[in-house]
Amino acid sequence: MRLRSTIRRRALSERNKTFVMVLCYPAPLFQLLFPIHVLFLLLEGVALTLVKRDARLLWKVYLACLFALWESRTELITRRQVVQQTRNIDRLKFYEPFTWLPHKLRLLVRYGIPKID
């Protein structure tokens, strides 16, 4: 079995995941993980682009995510303040579902490189 996706679906997934991270992660975790997330996002984009030999992946998925983040920065900052002020879960509960091994890495090991149409 092999994973399948489309460029559009992948772009929306990366953008949404990144926006949720910006809005919901508590400050210490966000400050630590966000730069790492952006770095790995770019590395994944470059690696998939090289393996698939399709520059559209880098431009339409990974760089598009960063451009969307930049274009929405004012709204995201404003919304982050509201979300963080109204948060009703303590930090320890927030961390409970996290694992050390990234989900994408588990999928890569189990299914290989996804087919992206």
Protein backbone atom coordinates (compact mmCIF):
# COMPACT_ATOMS: atom_id res chain seq x y z
CA MET A 1 0.00 0.00 0.00
CA ARG A 2 1.21 3.49 -0.83
CA LEU A 3 0.00 6.90 0.30
CA ARG A 4 -1.52 9.21 -2.31
CA SER A 5 -2.25 12.89 -2.24
CA THR A 6 -2.62 15.88 -4.52
CA ILE A 7 -0.53 19.03 -4.56
CA ARG A 8 -3.56 21.06 -3.47
CA ARG A 9 -4.41 18.72 -0.59
CA ARG A 10 -0.81 18.63 0.57
CA ALA A 11 -0.56 22.43 0.41
CA LEU A 12 -3.73 22.86 2.48
CA SER A 13 -2.55 20.27 4.99
CA GLU A 14 0.85 21.92 5.51
CA ARG A 15 -0.69 25.39 5.73
CA ASN A 16 -3.38 24.34 8.19
CA LYS A 17 -0.94 22.42 10.39
CA THR A 18 1.39 25.41 10.51
CA PHE A 19 -1.43 27.86 11.28
CA VAL A 20 -2.68 25.64 14.12
CA MET A 21 0.84 25.51 15.53
CA VAL A 22 1.07 29.32 15.46
CA LEU A 23 -2.31 29.74 17.13
CA CYS A 24 -2.39 26.96 19.70
CA TYR A 25 1.07 26.03 20.93
CA PRO A 26 1.98 27.60 24.29
CA ALA A 27 4.82 30.12 24.13
CA PRO A 28 7.77 28.04 25.36
CA LEU A 29 6.92 25.11 23.08
CA PHE A 30 6.11 27.39 20.15
CA GLN A 31 9.37 29.31 20.47
CA LEU A 32 11.31 26.07 20.51
CA LEU A 33 9.48 24.07 17.85
CA PHE A 34 8.37 26.65 15.28
CA PRO A 35 11.84 27.36 13.84
CA ILE A 36 12.49 23.62 13.73
CA HIS A 37 9.12 23.08 12.02
CA VAL A 38 9.93 25.68 9.34
CA LEU A 39 13.38 24.18 8.78
CA PHE A 40 11.99 20.65 8.42
CA LEU A 41 9.22 21.93 6.17
CA LEU A 42 11.82 23.39 3.81
CA LEU A 43 14.02 20.28 4.01
CA GLU A 44 11.05 18.05 3.23
CA GLY A 45 10.12 20.28 0.30
CA VAL A 46 13.63 20.21 -1.15
CA ALA A 47 13.97 16.45 -0.62
CA LEU A 48 10.61 15.62 -2.24
CA THR A 49 11.34 18.02 -5.08
CA LEU A 50 14.65 16.29 -5.77
CA VAL A 51 13.25 12.75 -5.43
CA LYS A 52 10.17 13.46 -7.55
CA ARG A 53 12.00 15.85 -9.87
CA ASP A 54 9.06 18.22 -9.71
CA ALA A 55 9.71 21.81 -8.62
CA ARG A 56 5.96 22.40 -8.30
CA LEU A 57 6.09 20.57 -4.97
CA LEU A 58 8.50 23.06 -3.47
CA TRP A 59 6.71 26.11 -4.87
CA LYS A 60 3.06 25.11 -4.58
CA VAL A 61 3.22 23.26 -1.26
CA TYR A 62 6.13 24.20 0.95
CA LEU A 63 7.02 27.75 -0.09
CA ALA A 64 3.32 28.51 -0.55
CA CYS A 65 2.84 27.56 3.11
CA LEU A 66 5.51 30.03 4.20
CA PHE A 67 4.12 32.76 1.92
CA ALA A 68 0.62 32.21 3.36
CA LEU A 69 2.07 32.39 6.85
CA TRP A 70 3.79 35.68 6.04
CA GLU A 71 0.70 37.14 4.35
CA SER A 72 -1.50 36.20 7.33
CA ARG A 73 0.97 37.20 10.04
CA THR A 74 -1.03 40.18 11.37
CA GLU A 75 -4.25 38.19 11.64
CA LEU A 76 -2.41 35.20 13.12
CA ILE A 77 -0.73 37.35 15.78
CA THR A 78 -4.07 38.88 16.75
CA ARG A 79 -5.82 35.52 16.84
CA ARG A 80 -2.95 33.92 18.75
CA GLN A 81 -3.35 36.48 21.52
CA VAL A 82 -7.06 35.68 21.79
CA VAL A 83 -6.53 31.91 21.67
CA GLN A 84 -3.76 31.99 24.26
CA GLN A 85 -5.78 34.24 26.60
CA THR A 86 -8.83 31.99 26.41
CA ARG A 87 -6.95 28.70 26.64
CA ASN A 88 -8.52 26.46 29.28
CA ILE A 89 -6.11 23.53 29.31
CA ASP A 90 -2.92 23.46 31.31
CA ARG A 91 0.39 22.93 29.58
CA LEU A 92 0.94 19.42 30.88
CA LYS A 93 -2.38 18.27 29.39
CA PHE A 94 -1.47 20.01 26.11
CA TYR A 95 1.76 17.97 25.84
CA GLU A 96 0.17 14.56 26.55
CA PRO A 97 -0.74 13.54 22.97
CA PHE A 98 2.71 14.38 21.56
CA THR A 99 5.25 11.71 20.67
CA TRP A 100 8.96 12.05 19.98
CA LEU A 101 8.80 10.35 16.60
CA PRO A 102 7.14 12.62 14.01
CA HIS A 103 4.04 11.17 12.36
CA LYS A 104 5.37 11.90 8.85
CA LEU A 105 8.49 9.89 9.58
CA ARG A 106 6.41 6.92 10.76
CA LEU A 107 4.35 7.13 7.55
CA LEU A 108 7.50 7.35 5.43
CA VAL A 109 8.98 4.25 7.06
CA ARG A 110 5.74 2.31 6.79
CA TYR A 111 4.55 3.32 3.30
CA GLY A 112 7.50 4.91 1.54
CA ILE A 113 7.48 8.15 -0.41
CA PRO A 114 3.90 9.21 -1.15
CA LYS A 115 2.51 9.53 -4.65
CA ILE A 116 1.57 13.15 -5.26
CA ASP A 117 -0.61 13.97 -8.25
